[in-house]
PDB file of N, CA and C in Angstrom:
ATOM      1  N   MET A   1      -0.476-100.498  52.912  1.00  0.00           N
ATOM      2  CA  MET A   1      -1.412 -99.434  53.244  1.00  0.00           C
ATOM      3  C   MET A   1      -0.690 -98.091  53.129  1.00  0.00           C
ATOM      4  N   SER A   2      -1.438 -97.087  52.854  1.00  0.00           N
ATOM      5  CA  SER A   2      -0.914 -95.738  52.637  1.00  0.00           C
ATOM      6  C   SER A   2      -0.208 -95.189  53.880  1.00  0.00           C
ATOM      7  N   ASP A   3       0.918 -94.510  53.654  1.00  0.00           N
ATOM      8  CA  ASP A   3       1.614 -93.842  54.762  1.00  0.00           C
ATOM      9  C   ASP A   3       0.721 -92.792  55.402  1.00  0.00           C
ATOM     10  N   ASN A   4      -0.049 -92.095  54.579  1.00  0.00           N
ATOM     11  CA  ASN A   4      -0.955 -91.078  55.111  1.00  0.00           C
ATOM     12  C   ASN A   4      -2.034 -91.700  55.993  1.00  0.00           C
ATOM     13  N   PHE A   5      -2.511 -92.869  55.623  1.00  0.00           N
ATOM     14  CA  PHE A   5      -3.526 -93.536  56.439  1.00  0.00           C
ATOM     15  C   PHE A   5      -2.942 -93.928  57.792  1.00  0.00           C
ATOM     16  N   GLU A   6      -1.706 -94.388  57.784  1.00  0.00           N
ATOM     17  CA  GLU A   6      -1.031 -94.727  59.037  1.00  0.00           C
ATOM     18  C   GLU A   6      -0.831 -93.469  59.889  1.00  0.00           C
ATOM     19  N   ARG A   7      -0.480 -92.353  59.255  1.00  0.00           N
ATOM     20  CA  ARG A   7      -0.353 -91.087  59.979  1.00  0.00           C
ATOM     21  C   ARG A   7      -1.687 -90.687  60.595  1.00  0.00           C
ATOM     22  N   LEU A   8      -2.762 -90.852  59.836  1.00  0.00           N
ATOM     23  CA  LEU A   8      -4.099 -90.512  60.329  1.00  0.00           C
ATOM     24  C   LEU A   8      -4.439 -91.328  61.568  1.00  0.00           C
ATOM     25  N   LYS A   9      -4.206 -92.627  61.506  1.00  0.00           N
ATOM     26  CA  LYS A   9      -4.479 -93.476  62.661  1.00  0.00           C
ATOM     27  C   LYS A   9      -3.654 -93.049  63.865  1.00  0.00           C
ATOM     28  N   SER A  10      -2.398 -92.707  63.626  1.00  0.00           N
ATOM     29  CA  SER A  10      -1.519 -92.287  64.707  1.00  0.00           C
ATOM     30  C   SER A  10      -2.001 -90.990  65.360  1.00  0.00           C
ATOM     31  N   VAL A  11      -2.394 -90.020  64.550  1.00  0.00           N
ATOM     32  CA  VAL A  11      -2.871 -88.745  65.089  1.00  0.00           C
ATOM     33  C   VAL A  11      -4.132 -88.963  65.923  1.00  0.00           C
ATOM     34  N   VAL A  12      -5.047 -89.784  65.423  1.00  0.00           N
ATOM     35  CA  VAL A  12      -6.277 -90.048  66.162  1.00  0.00           C
ATOM     36  C   VAL A  12      -5.966 -90.743  67.486  1.00  0.00           C
ATOM     37  N   GLU A  13      -5.091 -91.732  67.462  1.00  0.00           N
ATOM     38  CA  GLU A  13      -4.717 -92.429  68.691  1.00  0.00           C
ATOM     39  C   GLU A  13      -4.058 -91.476  69.690  1.00  0.00           C
ATOM     40  N   ASP A  14      -3.186 -90.602  69.184  1.00  0.00           N
ATOM     41  CA  ASP A  14      -2.479 -89.661  70.058  1.00  0.00           C
ATOM     42  C   ASP A  14      -3.415 -88.632  70.672  1.00  0.00           C
ATOM     43  N   THR A  15      -4.540 -88.389  70.040  1.00  0.00           N
ATOM     44  CA  THR A  15      -5.488 -87.369  70.489  1.00  0.00           C
ATOM     45  C   THR A  15      -6.489 -87.907  71.511  1.00  0.00           C
ATOM     46  N   THR A  16      -6.587 -89.201  71.640  1.00  0.00           N
ATOM     47  CA  THR A  16      -7.601 -89.824  72.502  1.00  0.00           C
ATOM     48  C   THR A  16      -7.569 -89.307  73.932  1.00  0.00           C
ATOM     49  N   ASP A  17      -6.398 -89.234  74.531  1.00  0.00           N
ATOM     50  CA  ASP A  17      -6.296 -88.761  75.918  1.00  0.00           C
ATOM     51  C   ASP A  17      -6.750 -87.311  76.053  1.00  0.00           C
ATOM     52  N   ASP A  18      -6.365 -86.475  75.080  1.00  0.00           N
ATOM     53  CA  ASP A  18      -6.756 -85.071  75.146  1.00  0.00           C
ATOM     54  C   ASP A  18      -8.264 -84.895  74.974  1.00  0.00           C
ATOM     55  N   VAL A  19      -8.901 -85.749  74.190  1.00  0.00           N
ATOM     56  CA  VAL A  19     -10.361 -85.672  74.045  1.00  0.00           C
ATOM     57  C   VAL A  19     -11.022 -85.943  75.393  1.00  0.00           C
ATOM     58  N   ALA A  20     -10.542 -86.950  76.093  1.00  0.00           N
ATOM     59  CA  ALA A  20     -11.099 -87.266  77.410  1.00  0.00           C
ATOM     60  C   ALA A  20     -10.891 -86.103  78.377  1.00  0.00           C
ATOM     61  N   LYS A  21      -9.695 -85.508  78.336  1.00  0.00           N
ATOM     62  CA  LYS A  21      -9.418 -84.361  79.211  1.00  0.00           C
ATOM     63  C   LYS A  21     -10.309 -83.179  78.849  1.00  0.00           C
ATOM     64  N   ALA A  22     -10.507 -82.951  77.552  1.00  0.00           N
ATOM     65  CA  ALA A  22     -11.349 -81.841  77.104  1.00  0.00           C
ATOM     66  C   ALA A  22     -12.789 -82.036  77.561  1.00  0.00           C
ATOM     67  N   GLU A  23     -13.268 -83.267  77.489  1.00  0.00           N
ATOM     68  CA  GLU A  23     -14.634 -83.556  77.927  1.00  0.00           C
ATOM     69  C   GLU A  23     -14.792 -83.359  79.430  1.00  0.00           C
ATOM     70  N   SER A  24     -13.683 -83.422  80.160  1.00  0.00           N
ATOM     71  CA  SER A  24     -13.706 -83.199  81.609  1.00  0.00           C
ATOM     72  C   SER A  24     -13.571 -81.723  81.968  1.00  0.00           C
ATOM     73  N   GLY A  25     -13.437 -80.870  80.939  1.00  0.00           N
ATOM     74  CA  GLY A  25     -13.378 -79.441  81.189  1.00  0.00           C
ATOM     75  C   GLY A  25     -12.005 -78.811  81.090  1.00  0.00           C
ATOM     76  N   ASN A  26     -11.006 -79.553  80.680  1.00  0.00           N
ATOM     77  CA  ASN A  26      -9.650 -79.022  80.554  1.00  0.00           C
ATOM     78  C   ASN A  26      -9.562 -78.162  79.291  1.00  0.00           C
ATOM     79  N   LYS A  27      -9.454 -76.856  79.487  1.00  0.00           N
ATOM     80  CA  LYS A  27      -9.464 -75.930  78.358  1.00  0.00           C
ATOM     81  C   LYS A  27      -8.226 -76.061  77.478  1.00  0.00           C
ATOM     82  N   ALA A  28      -7.075 -76.337  78.063  1.00  0.00           N
ATOM     83  CA  ALA A  28      -5.860 -76.511  77.264  1.00  0.00           C
ATOM     84  C   ALA A  28      -5.990 -77.728  76.354  1.00  0.00           C
ATOM     85  N   ALA A  29      -6.637 -78.767  76.858  1.00  0.00           N
ATOM     86  CA  ALA A  29      -6.832 -79.974  76.057  1.00  0.00           C
ATOM     87  C   ALA A  29      -7.752 -79.701  74.870  1.00  0.00           C
ATOM     88  N   THR A  30      -8.745 -78.814  75.062  1.00  0.00           N
ATOM     89  CA  THR A  30      -9.636 -78.505  73.930  1.00  0.00           C
ATOM     90  C   THR A  30      -8.849 -77.841  72.808  1.00  0.00           C
ATOM     91  N   SER A  31      -7.899 -76.989  73.147  1.00  0.00           N
ATOM     92  CA  SER A  31      -7.059 -76.359  72.121  1.00  0.00           C
ATOM     93  C   SER A  31      -6.210 -77.387  71.397  1.00  0.00           C
ATOM     94  N   ARG A  32      -5.650 -78.330  72.151  1.00  0.00           N
ATOM     95  CA  ARG A  32      -4.831 -79.379  71.526  1.00  0.00           C
ATOM     96  C   ARG A  32      -5.675 -80.247  70.607  1.00  0.00           C
ATOM     97  N   VAL A  33      -6.886 -80.565  71.034  1.00  0.00           N
ATOM     98  CA  VAL A  33      -7.768 -81.389  70.205  1.00  0.00           C
ATOM     99  C   VAL A  33      -8.119 -80.651  68.911  1.00  0.00           C
ATOM    100  N   ARG A  34      -8.450 -79.373  69.028  1.00  0.00           N
ATOM    101  CA  ARG A  34      -8.789 -78.604  67.821  1.00  0.00           C
ATOM    102  C   ARG A  34      -7.609 -78.567  66.853  1.00  0.00           C
ATOM    103  N   LYS A  35      -6.405 -78.396  67.383  1.00  0.00           N
ATOM    104  CA  LYS A  35      -5.205 -78.381  66.542  1.00  0.00           C
ATOM    105  C   LYS A  35      -5.019 -79.740  65.852  1.00  0.00           C
ATOM    106  N   GLN A  36      -5.201 -80.806  66.605  1.00  0.00           N
ATOM    107  CA  GLN A  36      -5.046 -82.145  66.030  1.00  0.00           C
ATOM    108  C   GLN A  36      -6.133 -82.436  64.991  1.00  0.00           C
ATOM    109  N   MET A  37      -7.324 -81.905  65.195  1.00  0.00           N
ATOM    110  CA  MET A  37      -8.387 -82.116  64.215  1.00  0.00           C
ATOM    111  C   MET A  37      -8.073 -81.403  62.900  1.00  0.00           C
ATOM    112  N   GLN A  38      -7.362 -80.281  62.966  1.00  0.00           N
ATOM    113  CA  GLN A  38      -6.900 -79.620  61.749  1.00  0.00           C
ATOM    114  C   GLN A  38      -5.901 -80.516  61.026  1.00  0.00           C
ATOM    115  N   ALA A  39      -5.045 -81.183  61.790  1.00  0.00           N
ATOM    116  CA  ALA A  39      -4.088 -82.121  61.191  1.00  0.00           C
ATOM    117  C   ALA A  39      -4.830 -83.295  60.552  1.00  0.00           C
ATOM    118  N   VAL A  40      -5.866 -83.791  61.226  1.00  0.00           N
ATOM    119  CA  VAL A  40      -6.678 -84.888  60.679  1.00  0.00           C
ATOM    120  C   VAL A  40      -7.293 -84.457  59.347  1.00  0.00           C
ATOM    121  N   LYS A  41      -7.817 -83.258  59.323  1.00  0.00           N
ATOM    122  CA  LYS A  41      -8.441 -82.734  58.098  1.00  0.00           C
ATOM    123  C   LYS A  41      -7.433 -82.706  56.948  1.00  0.00           C
ATOM    124  N   ALA A  42      -6.225 -82.217  57.215  1.00  0.00           N
ATOM    125  CA  ALA A  42      -5.193 -82.130  56.182  1.00  0.00           C
ATOM    126  C   ALA A  42      -4.762 -83.512  55.699  1.00  0.00           C
ATOM    127  N   ILE A  43      -4.584 -84.428  56.637  1.00  0.00           N
ATOM    128  CA  ILE A  43      -4.182 -85.792  56.269  1.00  0.00           C
ATOM    129  C   ILE A  43      -5.290 -86.471  55.475  1.00  0.00           C
ATOM    130  N   ALA A  44      -6.537 -86.274  55.894  1.00  0.00           N
ATOM    131  CA  ALA A  44      -7.668 -86.864  55.180  1.00  0.00           C
ATOM    132  C   ALA A  44      -7.726 -86.345  53.742  1.00  0.00           C
ATOM    133  N   GLN A  45      -7.434 -85.072  53.564  1.00  0.00           N
ATOM    134  CA  GLN A  45      -7.413 -84.507  52.212  1.00  0.00           C
ATOM    135  C   GLN A  45      -6.311 -85.161  51.381  1.00  0.00           C
ATOM    136  N   ASP A  46      -5.149 -85.391  51.986  1.00  0.00           N
ATOM    137  CA  ASP A  46      -4.062 -86.068  51.278  1.00  0.00           C
ATOM    138  C   ASP A  46      -4.470 -87.483  50.873  1.00  0.00           C
ATOM    139  N   ILE A  47      -5.155 -88.183  51.775  1.00  0.00           N
ATOM    140  CA  ILE A  47      -5.625 -89.542  51.467  1.00  0.00           C
ATOM    141  C   ILE A  47      -6.625 -89.487  50.316  1.00  0.00           C
ATOM    142  N   ARG A  48      -7.511 -88.509  50.360  1.00  0.00           N
ATOM    143  CA  ARG A  48      -8.507 -88.356  49.290  1.00  0.00           C
ATOM    144  C   ARG A  48      -7.804 -88.174  47.940  1.00  0.00           C
ATOM    145  N   LYS A  49      -6.773 -87.350  47.906  1.00  0.00           N
ATOM    146  CA  LYS A  49      -6.022 -87.132  46.667  1.00  0.00           C
ATOM    147  C   LYS A  49      -5.371 -88.433  46.189  1.00  0.00           C
ATOM    148  N   GLU A  50      -4.794 -89.184  47.146  1.00  0.00           N
ATOM    149  CA  GLU A  50      -4.182 -90.470  46.795  1.00  0.00           C
ATOM    150  C   GLU A  50      -5.195 -91.407  46.163  1.00  0.00           C
ATOM    151  N   MET A  51      -6.385 -91.462  46.747  1.00  0.00           N
ATOM    152  CA  MET A  51      -7.410 -92.367  46.240  1.00  0.00           C
ATOM    153  C   MET A  51      -7.874 -91.951  44.854  1.00  0.00           C
ATOM    154  N   LEU A  52      -7.980 -90.653  44.614  1.00  0.00           N
ATOM    155  CA  LEU A  52      -8.342 -90.181  43.282  1.00  0.00           C
ATOM    156  C   LEU A  52      -7.265 -90.540  42.267  1.00  0.00           C
ATOM    157  N   GLU A  53      -5.998 -90.418  42.674  1.00  0.00           N
ATOM    158  CA  GLU A  53      -4.904 -90.791  41.779  1.00  0.00           C
ATOM    159  C   GLU A  53      -4.939 -92.281  41.473  1.00  0.00           C
ATOM    160  N   LEU A  54      -5.229 -93.093  42.493  1.00  0.00           N
ATOM    161  CA  LEU A  54      -5.344 -94.537  42.271  1.00  0.00           C
ATOM    162  C   LEU A  54      -6.475 -94.845  41.302  1.00  0.00           C
ATOM    163  N   ARG A  55      -7.605 -94.182  41.516  1.00  0.00           N
ATOM    164  CA  ARG A  55      -8.762 -94.406  40.643  1.00  0.00           C
ATOM    165  C   ARG A  55      -8.426 -94.024  39.215  1.00  0.00           C
ATOM    166  N   ASP A  56      -7.800 -92.870  39.034  1.00  0.00           N
ATOM    167  CA  ASP A  56      -7.517 -92.377  37.687  1.00  0.00           C
ATOM    168  C   ASP A  56      -6.426 -93.152  36.985  1.00  0.00           C
ATOM    169  N   SER A  57      -5.536 -93.796  37.758  1.00  0.00           N
ATOM    170  CA  SER A  57      -4.468 -94.573  37.148  1.00  0.00           C
ATOM    171  C   SER A  57      -4.850 -96.036  36.962  1.00  0.00           C
ATOM    172  N   GLY A  58      -6.053 -96.400  37.337  1.00  0.00           N
ATOM    173  CA  GLY A  58      -6.486 -97.778  37.176  1.00  0.00           C
ATOM    174  C   GLY A  58      -6.389 -98.583  38.448  1.00  0.00           C
ATOM    175  N   GLY A  59      -5.942 -97.974  39.551  1.00  0.00           N
ATOM    176  CA  GLY A  59      -5.894 -98.649  40.832  1.00  0.00           C
ATOM    177  C   GLY A  59      -4.698 -99.534  41.002  1.00  0.00           C
ATOM    178  N   ALA A  60      -4.460 -99.929  42.241  1.00  0.00           N
ATOM    179  CA  ALA A  60      -3.313-100.778  42.571  1.00  0.00           C
ATOM    180  C   ALA A  60      -3.478-102.182  42.035  1.00  0.00           C
ATOM    181  N   GLY A  61      -4.746-102.644  41.946  1.00  0.00           N
ATOM    182  CA  GLY A  61      -4.993-104.004  41.484  1.00  0.00           C
ATOM    183  C   GLY A  61      -5.416-104.089  40.030  1.00  0.00           C
ATOM    184  N   GLY A  62      -5.238-103.029  39.281  1.00  0.00           N
ATOM    185  CA  GLY A  62      -5.583-103.057  37.868  1.00  0.00           C
ATOM    186  C   GLY A  62      -6.969-102.507  37.569  1.00  0.00           C
ATOM    187  N   GLY A  63      -7.774-102.266  38.622  1.00  0.00           N
ATOM    188  CA  GLY A  63      -9.084-101.661  38.421  1.00  0.00           C
ATOM    189  C   GLY A  63     -10.114-102.642  37.914  1.00  0.00           C
ATOM    190  N   ALA A  64     -11.363-102.186  37.858  1.00  0.00           N
ATOM    191  CA  ALA A  64     -12.440-103.073  37.425  1.00  0.00           C
ATOM    192  C   ALA A  64     -13.142-102.503  36.222  1.00  0.00           C
TER     193      ALA A  64
END
């Protein structure tokens, strides 16, 4: 599996506690969540690029 996908899962898991705190009204947690969501966006874009490269190169399994 892609290193970027593993990073994405890790960032989401690490953000879970702050989301709960933000929903409880913790303003500092809302800032941390917003920052982490920017990281998610960047990682997701990297994954998207990887998938396009796989598609254009015929894929990992030779393509269909």
